[in-house]
């Protein structure tokens, strides 16, 4: 596992929406971008070196709950 080499805290962009924004040349290196939404964003030349990416803890919990607790099956008529 890679460790964060700086004593400075990571920039926290967890769950932030960057939808349709122009992020040309932005530096997200070493930032926490878990759960961030870059849908439609212009990321030309953007840097993501050593950025933390993926799902947030709350997103993981929601997926787990939905996966292992499926809704009740519909009632059968005429039974």
Protein backbone atom coordinates (compact mmCIF):
# COMPACT_ATOMS: atom_id res chain seq x y z
CA UNK A 1 0.00 0.00 0.00
CA UNK A 2 1.26 3.45 -0.88
CA UNK A 3 1.55 5.90 1.96
CA UNK A 4 1.01 9.62 1.81
CA UNK A 5 4.52 11.11 1.83
CA UNK A 6 3.61 14.57 3.16
CA UNK A 7 2.79 15.74 6.65
CA UNK A 8 0.19 18.09 5.14
CA UNK A 9 -3.40 16.81 5.27
CA UNK A 10 -4.93 15.61 2.01
CA UNK A 11 -7.34 17.96 0.29
CA UNK A 12 -10.78 16.52 0.90
CA UNK A 13 -13.10 16.43 -2.10
CA UNK A 14 -15.08 13.37 -0.93
CA UNK A 15 -18.52 13.24 -2.50
CA UNK A 16 -18.12 16.64 -4.16
CA UNK A 17 -19.77 17.29 -7.51
CA UNK A 18 -17.63 18.63 -10.34
CA UNK A 19 -20.35 17.95 -12.94
CA UNK A 20 -19.82 19.75 -16.26
CA UNK A 21 -17.04 21.94 -14.82
CA UNK A 22 -13.91 22.97 -16.69
CA UNK A 23 -11.10 21.44 -14.62
CA UNK A 24 -8.42 21.85 -17.29
CA UNK A 25 -4.97 21.57 -15.71
CA UNK A 26 -6.27 21.19 -12.14
CA UNK A 27 -4.04 19.29 -9.72
CA UNK A 28 -5.86 16.68 -7.60
CA UNK A 29 -2.61 14.93 -6.67
CA UNK A 30 -2.72 13.38 -3.19
CA UNK A 31 -6.35 14.55 -2.78
CA UNK A 32 -9.19 12.42 -1.42
CA UNK A 33 -11.66 12.24 -4.31
CA UNK A 34 -13.65 9.20 -3.14
CA UNK A 35 -17.23 9.49 -4.34
CA UNK A 36 -16.54 12.70 -6.31
CA UNK A 37 -18.63 13.13 -9.46
CA UNK A 38 -16.67 14.18 -12.55
CA UNK A 39 -19.53 13.49 -15.01
CA UNK A 40 -19.14 15.70 -18.07
CA UNK A 41 -16.18 17.59 -16.59
CA UNK A 42 -13.30 18.66 -18.83
CA UNK A 43 -10.27 16.95 -17.26
CA UNK A 44 -7.76 17.79 -19.99
CA UNK A 45 -4.32 17.93 -18.38
CA UNK A 46 -5.68 17.33 -14.87
CA UNK A 47 -3.34 15.50 -12.47
CA UNK A 48 -4.46 12.70 -10.15
CA UNK A 49 -1.08 11.41 -8.89
CA UNK A 50 -1.57 9.35 -5.70
CA UNK A 51 -5.17 10.56 -5.33
CA UNK A 52 -7.50 8.41 -3.21
CA UNK A 53 -10.36 7.33 -5.43
CA UNK A 54 -13.30 4.94 -5.20
CA UNK A 55 -16.41 4.81 -3.07
CA UNK A 56 -16.97 6.59 0.23
CA UNK A 57 -17.74 4.51 3.31
CA UNK A 58 -21.39 5.57 3.21
CA UNK A 59 -21.68 4.48 -0.45
CA UNK A 60 -20.19 1.07 0.43
CA UNK A 61 -22.68 0.64 3.30
CA UNK A 62 -25.63 1.52 1.05
CA UNK A 63 -24.48 -0.97 -1.60
CA UNK A 64 -24.03 -3.66 1.05
CA UNK A 65 -27.51 -3.07 2.48
CA UNK A 66 -29.14 -3.10 -0.96
CA UNK A 67 -27.23 -6.23 -2.02
CA UNK A 68 -27.91 -8.34 1.05
CA UNK A 69 -31.39 -7.11 1.91
CA UNK A 70 -33.37 -7.46 -1.32
CA UNK A 71 -36.95 -6.19 -1.30
CA UNK A 72 -39.70 -8.64 -0.40
CA UNK A 73 -40.90 -10.72 -3.34
CA UNK A 74 -44.33 -9.76 -4.66
CA UNK A 75 -47.33 -11.68 -3.38
CA UNK A 76 -48.58 -14.45 -5.63
CA UNK A 77 -52.23 -14.17 -6.56
CA UNK A 78 -54.48 -17.15 -6.26
CA UNK A 79 -52.31 -18.97 -3.79
